[in-house]
Amino acid sequence: MAEQVRLRSLQQNGSDDGTGAALLDRFGVEEDVRWRWGVCVRARLCGVYALRPRWAELVQRLLSEVDGMLARG
């Protein structure tokens, strides 16, 4: 749900408004779990939105985030 909230913010505002992170904070989700889930969901969203030319910029952003997250491992 947190990644979905974050995605909506990116789509509507072009930036992450922090609502997704605040949700995870509220429920005390550990950083390692956030990282794993974030990588999986964002990579999946790249595939879904890559089929929609309208969201090419969003796909590039998500792909860059996934690459960065995996590099930090």
PDB file of N, CA and C in Angstrom:
ATOM      1  N   MET A   1       0.816  -1.182   0.000  1.00  0.00           N
ATOM      2  CA  MET A   1       0.000   0.000   0.000  1.00  0.00           C
ATOM      3  C   MET A   1       0.871   1.262   0.000  1.00  0.00           C
ATOM      4  N   ALA A   2       1.962   1.227   0.735  1.00  0.00           N
ATOM      5  CA  ALA A   2       2.839   2.401   0.801  1.00  0.00           C
ATOM      6  C   ALA A   2       3.418   2.737  -0.570  1.00  0.00           C
ATOM      7  N   GLU A   3       3.805   1.728  -1.335  1.00  0.00           N
ATOM      8  CA  GLU A   3       4.337   1.985  -2.678  1.00  0.00           C
ATOM      9  C   GLU A   3       3.246   2.515  -3.600  1.00  0.00           C
ATOM     10  N   GLN A   4       2.014   2.072  -3.412  1.00  0.00           N
ATOM     11  CA  GLN A   4       0.913   2.578  -4.227  1.00  0.00           C
ATOM     12  C   GLN A   4       0.645   4.056  -3.921  1.00  0.00           C
ATOM     13  N   VAL A   5       0.693   4.406  -2.644  1.00  0.00           N
ATOM     14  CA  VAL A   5       0.512   5.808  -2.241  1.00  0.00           C
ATOM     15  C   VAL A   5       1.628   6.659  -2.844  1.00  0.00           C
ATOM     16  N   ARG A   6       2.837   6.146  -2.791  1.00  0.00           N
ATOM     17  CA  ARG A   6       3.990   6.851  -3.356  1.00  0.00           C
ATOM     18  C   ARG A   6       3.837   7.016  -4.867  1.00  0.00           C
ATOM     19  N   LEU A   7       3.393   5.962  -5.542  1.00  0.00           N
ATOM     20  CA  LEU A   7       3.188   6.012  -6.981  1.00  0.00           C
ATOM     21  C   LEU A   7       2.173   7.090  -7.355  1.00  0.00           C
ATOM     22  N   ARG A   8       1.086   7.167  -6.631  1.00  0.00           N
ATOM     23  CA  ARG A   8       0.069   8.186  -6.921  1.00  0.00           C
ATOM     24  C   ARG A   8       0.640   9.595  -6.785  1.00  0.00           C
ATOM     25  N   SER A   9       1.458   9.789  -5.788  1.00  0.00           N
ATOM     26  CA  SER A   9       2.093  11.095  -5.604  1.00  0.00           C
ATOM     27  C   SER A   9       3.006  11.418  -6.784  1.00  0.00           C
ATOM     28  N   LEU A  10       3.777  10.429  -7.220  1.00  0.00           N
ATOM     29  CA  LEU A  10       4.663  10.629  -8.372  1.00  0.00           C
ATOM     30  C   LEU A  10       3.859  10.948  -9.625  1.00  0.00           C
ATOM     31  N   GLN A  11       2.747  10.259  -9.816  1.00  0.00           N
ATOM     32  CA  GLN A  11       1.927  10.489 -10.999  1.00  0.00           C
ATOM     33  C   GLN A  11       1.262  11.862 -10.965  1.00  0.00           C
ATOM     34  N   GLN A  12       0.768  12.251  -9.816  1.00  0.00           N
ATOM     35  CA  GLN A  12       0.009  13.495  -9.727  1.00  0.00           C
ATOM     36  C   GLN A  12       0.887  14.733  -9.568  1.00  0.00           C
ATOM     37  N   ASN A  13       1.976  14.604  -8.809  1.00  0.00           N
ATOM     38  CA  ASN A  13       2.804  15.763  -8.481  1.00  0.00           C
ATOM     39  C   ASN A  13       4.190  15.733  -9.104  1.00  0.00           C
ATOM     40  N   GLY A  14       4.594  14.570  -9.599  1.00  0.00           N
ATOM     41  CA  GLY A  14       5.928  14.435 -10.145  1.00  0.00           C
ATOM     42  C   GLY A  14       7.005  14.274  -9.087  1.00  0.00           C
ATOM     43  N   SER A  15       6.580  14.155  -7.828  1.00  0.00           N
ATOM     44  CA  SER A  15       7.543  13.971  -6.741  1.00  0.00           C
ATOM     45  C   SER A  15       6.933  13.107  -5.641  1.00  0.00           C
ATOM     46  N   ASP A  16       7.807  12.583  -4.820  1.00  0.00           N
ATOM     47  CA  ASP A  16       7.403  11.763  -3.681  1.00  0.00           C
ATOM     48  C   ASP A  16       7.084  12.698  -2.526  1.00  0.00           C
ATOM     49  N   ASP A  17       5.838  12.693  -2.077  1.00  0.00           N
ATOM     50  CA  ASP A  17       5.447  13.597  -0.995  1.00  0.00           C
ATOM     51  C   ASP A  17       5.712  13.029   0.398  1.00  0.00           C
ATOM     52  N   GLY A  18       6.259  11.823   0.471  1.00  0.00           N
ATOM     53  CA  GLY A  18       6.621  11.233   1.754  1.00  0.00           C
ATOM     54  C   GLY A  18       5.506  10.486   2.466  1.00  0.00           C
ATOM     55  N   THR A  19       4.320  10.446   1.872  1.00  0.00           N
ATOM     56  CA  THR A  19       3.191   9.776   2.522  1.00  0.00           C
ATOM     57  C   THR A  19       3.430   8.279   2.671  1.00  0.00           C
ATOM     58  N   GLY A  20       3.999   7.656   1.658  1.00  0.00           N
ATOM     59  CA  GLY A  20       4.288   6.224   1.738  1.00  0.00           C
ATOM     60  C   GLY A  20       5.267   5.908   2.853  1.00  0.00           C
ATOM     61  N   ALA A  21       6.325   6.703   2.959  1.00  0.00           N
ATOM     62  CA  ALA A  21       7.315   6.503   4.023  1.00  0.00           C
ATOM     63  C   ALA A  21       6.684   6.744   5.397  1.00  0.00           C
ATOM     64  N   ALA A  22       5.819   7.736   5.488  1.00  0.00           N
ATOM     65  CA  ALA A  22       5.147   8.025   6.756  1.00  0.00           C
ATOM     66  C   ALA A  22       4.273   6.844   7.177  1.00  0.00           C
ATOM     67  N   LEU A  23       3.632   6.213   6.215  1.00  0.00           N
ATOM     68  CA  LEU A  23       2.807   5.043   6.508  1.00  0.00           C
ATOM     69  C   LEU A  23       3.669   3.906   7.065  1.00  0.00           C
ATOM     70  N   LEU A  24       4.808   3.672   6.418  1.00  0.00           N
ATOM     71  CA  LEU A  24       5.713   2.623   6.895  1.00  0.00           C
ATOM     72  C   LEU A  24       6.274   2.957   8.275  1.00  0.00           C
ATOM     73  N   ASP A  25       6.576   4.223   8.506  1.00  0.00           N
ATOM     74  CA  ASP A  25       7.038   4.664   9.826  1.00  0.00           C
ATOM     75  C   ASP A  25       5.982   4.374  10.883  1.00  0.00           C
ATOM     76  N   ARG A  26       4.767   4.710  10.558  1.00  0.00           N
ATOM     77  CA  ARG A  26       3.652   4.552  11.501  1.00  0.00           C
ATOM     78  C   ARG A  26       3.488   3.107  11.951  1.00  0.00           C
ATOM     79  N   PHE A  27       3.716   2.180  11.012  1.00  0.00           N
ATOM     80  CA  PHE A  27       3.565   0.763  11.331  1.00  0.00           C
ATOM     81  C   PHE A  27       4.879   0.101  11.744  1.00  0.00           C
ATOM     82  N   GLY A  28       5.943   0.879  11.845  1.00  0.00           N
ATOM     83  CA  GLY A  28       7.222   0.364  12.328  1.00  0.00           C
ATOM     84  C   GLY A  28       7.865  -0.670  11.432  1.00  0.00           C
ATOM     85  N   VAL A  29       7.714  -0.515  10.121  1.00  0.00           N
ATOM     86  CA  VAL A  29       8.311  -1.460   9.176  1.00  0.00           C
ATOM     87  C   VAL A  29       9.822  -1.227   9.123  1.00  0.00           C
ATOM     88  N   GLU A  30      10.575  -2.297   9.321  1.00  0.00           N
ATOM     89  CA  GLU A  30      12.038  -2.207   9.356  1.00  0.00           C
ATOM     90  C   GLU A  30      12.616  -1.829   7.995  1.00  0.00           C
ATOM     91  N   GLU A  31      13.763  -1.181   8.031  1.00  0.00           N
ATOM     92  CA  GLU A  31      14.413  -0.675   6.818  1.00  0.00           C
ATOM     93  C   GLU A  31      14.709  -1.788   5.814  1.00  0.00           C
ATOM     94  N   ASP A  32      15.149  -2.948   6.287  1.00  0.00           N
ATOM     95  CA  ASP A  32      15.463  -4.053   5.388  1.00  0.00           C
ATOM     96  C   ASP A  32      14.220  -4.519   4.635  1.00  0.00           C
ATOM     97  N   VAL A  33      13.109  -4.591   5.312  1.00  0.00           N
ATOM     98  CA  VAL A  33      11.854  -5.002   4.677  1.00  0.00           C
ATOM     99  C   VAL A  33      11.409  -3.938   3.676  1.00  0.00           C
ATOM    100  N   ARG A  34      11.549  -2.678   4.044  1.00  0.00           N
ATOM    101  CA  ARG A  34      11.204  -1.585   3.127  1.00  0.00           C
ATOM    102  C   ARG A  34      12.026  -1.677   1.855  1.00  0.00           C
ATOM    103  N   TRP A  35      13.316  -1.938   2.018  1.00  0.00           N
ATOM    104  CA  TRP A  35      14.222  -2.011   0.867  1.00  0.00           C
ATOM    105  C   TRP A  35      13.808  -3.157  -0.058  1.00  0.00           C
ATOM    106  N   ARG A  36      13.622  -4.349   0.506  1.00  0.00           N
ATOM    107  CA  ARG A  36      13.256  -5.514  -0.305  1.00  0.00           C
ATOM    108  C   ARG A  36      11.944  -5.305  -1.047  1.00  0.00           C
ATOM    109  N   TRP A  37      10.956  -4.843  -0.304  1.00  0.00           N
ATOM    110  CA  TRP A  37       9.646  -4.645  -0.909  1.00  0.00           C
ATOM    111  C   TRP A  37       9.709  -3.525  -1.953  1.00  0.00           C
ATOM    112  N   GLY A  38      10.411  -2.460  -1.626  1.00  0.00           N
ATOM    113  CA  GLY A  38      10.538  -1.333  -2.551  1.00  0.00           C
ATOM    114  C   GLY A  38      11.168  -1.736  -3.871  1.00  0.00           C
ATOM    115  N   VAL A  39      12.226  -2.524  -3.815  1.00  0.00           N
ATOM    116  CA  VAL A  39      12.880  -2.989  -5.043  1.00  0.00           C
ATOM    117  C   VAL A  39      11.913  -3.823  -5.877  1.00  0.00           C
ATOM    118  N   CYS A  40      11.240  -4.766  -5.244  1.00  0.00           N
ATOM    119  CA  CYS A  40      10.320  -5.648  -5.978  1.00  0.00           C
ATOM    120  C   CYS A  40       9.169  -4.876  -6.610  1.00  0.00           C
ATOM    121  N   VAL A  41       8.532  -4.026  -5.832  1.00  0.00           N
ATOM    122  CA  VAL A  41       7.367  -3.300  -6.344  1.00  0.00           C
ATOM    123  C   VAL A  41       7.773  -2.311  -7.432  1.00  0.00           C
ATOM    124  N   ARG A  42       8.845  -1.580  -7.225  1.00  0.00           N
ATOM    125  CA  ARG A  42       9.258  -0.595  -8.224  1.00  0.00           C
ATOM    126  C   ARG A  42       9.699  -1.268  -9.522  1.00  0.00           C
ATOM    127  N   ALA A  43      10.379  -2.406  -9.418  1.00  0.00           N
ATOM    128  CA  ALA A  43      10.776  -3.143 -10.622  1.00  0.00           C
ATOM    129  C   ALA A  43       9.533  -3.634 -11.365  1.00  0.00           C
ATOM    130  N   ARG A  44       8.556  -4.119 -10.636  1.00  0.00           N
ATOM    131  CA  ARG A  44       7.310  -4.563 -11.249  1.00  0.00           C
ATOM    132  C   ARG A  44       6.596  -3.400 -11.935  1.00  0.00           C
ATOM    133  N   LEU A  45       6.552  -2.263 -11.280  1.00  0.00           N
ATOM    134  CA  LEU A  45       5.904  -1.088 -11.859  1.00  0.00           C
ATOM    135  C   LEU A  45       6.604  -0.638 -13.141  1.00  0.00           C
ATOM    136  N   CYS A  46       7.919  -0.812 -13.207  1.00  0.00           N
ATOM    137  CA  CYS A  46       8.648  -0.486 -14.441  1.00  0.00           C
ATOM    138  C   CYS A  46       8.081  -1.293 -15.607  1.00  0.00           C
ATOM    139  N   GLY A  47       7.870  -2.575 -15.370  1.00  0.00           N
ATOM    140  CA  GLY A  47       7.328  -3.441 -16.419  1.00  0.00           C
ATOM    141  C   GLY A  47       5.920  -3.056 -16.818  1.00  0.00           C
ATOM    142  N   VAL A  48       5.090  -2.762 -15.850  1.00  0.00           N
ATOM    143  CA  VAL A  48       3.698  -2.399 -16.123  1.00  0.00           C
ATOM    144  C   VAL A  48       3.614  -1.080 -16.877  1.00  0.00           C
ATOM    145  N   TYR A  49       4.319  -0.073 -16.384  1.00  0.00           N
ATOM    146  CA  TYR A  49       4.215   1.255 -16.986  1.00  0.00           C
ATOM    147  C   TYR A  49       5.052   1.411 -18.252  1.00  0.00           C
ATOM    148  N   ALA A  50       5.992   0.505 -18.494  1.00  0.00           N
ATOM    149  CA  ALA A  50       6.777   0.560 -19.733  1.00  0.00           C
ATOM    150  C   ALA A  50       5.888   0.341 -20.951  1.00  0.00           C
ATOM    151  N   LEU A  51       4.758  -0.297 -20.749  1.00  0.00           N
ATOM    152  CA  LEU A  51       3.821  -0.551 -21.845  1.00  0.00           C
ATOM    153  C   LEU A  51       2.943   0.663 -22.158  1.00  0.00           C
ATOM    154  N   ARG A  52       3.109   1.716 -21.381  1.00  0.00           N
ATOM    155  CA  ARG A  52       2.294   2.920 -21.549  1.00  0.00           C
ATOM    156  C   ARG A  52       3.210   4.110 -21.851  1.00  0.00           C
ATOM    157  N   PRO A  53       3.314   4.504 -23.090  1.00  0.00           N
ATOM    158  CA  PRO A  53       4.230   5.592 -23.471  1.00  0.00           C
ATOM    159  C   PRO A  53       4.038   6.875 -22.656  1.00  0.00           C
ATOM    160  N   ARG A  54       2.841   7.132 -22.225  1.00  0.00           N
ATOM    161  CA  ARG A  54       2.555   8.330 -21.435  1.00  0.00           C
ATOM    162  C   ARG A  54       3.407   8.404 -20.169  1.00  0.00           C
ATOM    163  N   TRP A  55       3.786   7.249 -19.642  1.00  0.00           N
ATOM    164  CA  TRP A  55       4.512   7.205 -18.367  1.00  0.00           C
ATOM    165  C   TRP A  55       6.004   6.924 -18.540  1.00  0.00           C
ATOM    166  N   ALA A  56       6.563   7.236 -19.705  1.00  0.00           N
ATOM    167  CA  ALA A  56       7.979   6.963 -19.973  1.00  0.00           C
ATOM    168  C   ALA A  56       8.896   7.625 -18.944  1.00  0.00           C
ATOM    169  N   GLU A  57       8.603   8.853 -18.568  1.00  0.00           N
ATOM    170  CA  GLU A  57       9.427   9.552 -17.579  1.00  0.00           C
ATOM    171  C   GLU A  57       9.342   8.875 -16.203  1.00  0.00           C
ATOM    172  N   LEU A  58       8.150   8.444 -15.828  1.00  0.00           N
ATOM    173  CA  LEU A  58       7.970   7.736 -14.557  1.00  0.00           C
ATOM    174  C   LEU A  58       8.754   6.429 -14.562  1.00  0.00           C
ATOM    175  N   VAL A  59       8.705   5.709 -15.672  1.00  0.00           N
ATOM    176  CA  VAL A  59       9.437   4.442 -15.788  1.00  0.00           C
ATOM    177  C   VAL A  59      10.929   4.681 -15.609  1.00  0.00           C
ATOM    178  N   GLN A  60      11.465   5.710 -16.227  1.00  0.00           N
ATOM    179  CA  GLN A  60      12.888   6.015 -16.091  1.00  0.00           C
ATOM    180  C   GLN A  60      13.236   6.339 -14.637  1.00  0.00           C
ATOM    181  N   ARG A  61      12.376   7.065 -13.969  1.00  0.00           N
ATOM    182  CA  ARG A  61      12.619   7.386 -12.563  1.00  0.00           C
ATOM    183  C   ARG A  61      12.619   6.115 -11.706  1.00  0.00           C
ATOM    184  N   LEU A  62      11.603   5.276 -11.884  1.00  0.00           N
ATOM    185  CA  LEU A  62      11.525   4.033 -11.116  1.00  0.00           C
ATOM    186  C   LEU A  62      12.718   3.126 -11.399  1.00  0.00           C
ATOM    187  N   LEU A  63      13.101   3.033 -12.676  1.00  0.00           N
ATOM    188  CA  LEU A  63      14.250   2.214 -13.056  1.00  0.00           C
ATOM    189  C   LEU A  63      15.528   2.724 -12.395  1.00  0.00           C
ATOM    190  N   SER A  64      15.697   4.019 -12.394  1.00  0.00           N
ATOM    191  CA  SER A  64      16.856   4.625 -11.741  1.00  0.00           C
ATOM    192  C   SER A  64      16.856   4.334 -10.242  1.00  0.00           C
ATOM    193  N   GLU A  65      15.692   4.406  -9.630  1.00  0.00           N
ATOM    194  CA  GLU A  65      15.589   4.098  -8.197  1.00  0.00           C
ATOM    195  C   GLU A  65      15.937   2.646  -7.911  1.00  0.00           C
ATOM    196  N   VAL A  66      15.430   1.738  -8.736  1.00  0.00           N
ATOM    197  CA  VAL A  66      15.734   0.311  -8.564  1.00  0.00           C
ATOM    198  C   VAL A  66      17.224   0.068  -8.720  1.00  0.00           C
ATOM    199  N   ASP A  67      17.822   0.648  -9.761  1.00  0.00           N
ATOM    200  CA  ASP A  67      19.262   0.503  -9.970  1.00  0.00           C
ATOM    201  C   ASP A  67      20.049   1.002  -8.752  1.00  0.00           C
ATOM    202  N   GLY A  68      19.675   2.163  -8.262  1.00  0.00           N
ATOM    203  CA  GLY A  68      20.355   2.731  -7.086  1.00  0.00           C
ATOM    204  C   GLY A  68      20.184   1.873  -5.849  1.00  0.00           C
ATOM    205  N   MET A  69      18.971   1.370  -5.655  1.00  0.00           N
ATOM    206  CA  MET A  69      18.711   0.534  -4.477  1.00  0.00           C
ATOM    207  C   MET A  69      19.522  -0.766  -4.542  1.00  0.00           C
ATOM    208  N   LEU A  70      19.580  -1.365  -5.728  1.00  0.00           N
ATOM    209  CA  LEU A  70      20.337  -2.611  -5.871  1.00  0.00           C
ATOM    210  C   LEU A  70      21.840  -2.370  -5.725  1.00  0.00           C
ATOM    211  N   ALA A  71      22.314  -1.239  -6.201  1.00  0.00           N
ATOM    212  CA  ALA A  71      23.739  -0.914  -6.082  1.00  0.00           C
ATOM    213  C   ALA A  71      24.135  -0.752  -4.611  1.00  0.00           C
ATOM    214  N   ARG A  72      23.234  -0.203  -3.818  1.00  0.00           N
ATOM    215  CA  ARG A  72      23.518  -0.038  -2.388  1.00  0.00           C
ATOM    216  C   ARG A  72      23.402  -1.347  -1.631  1.00  0.00           C
ATOM    217  N   GLY A  73      22.550  -2.249  -2.211  1.00  0.00           N
ATOM    218  CA  GLY A  73      22.324  -3.582  -1.675  1.00  0.00           C
ATOM    219  C   GLY A  73      22.251  -3.674  -0.254  1.00  0.00           C
TER     220      GLY A  73
END
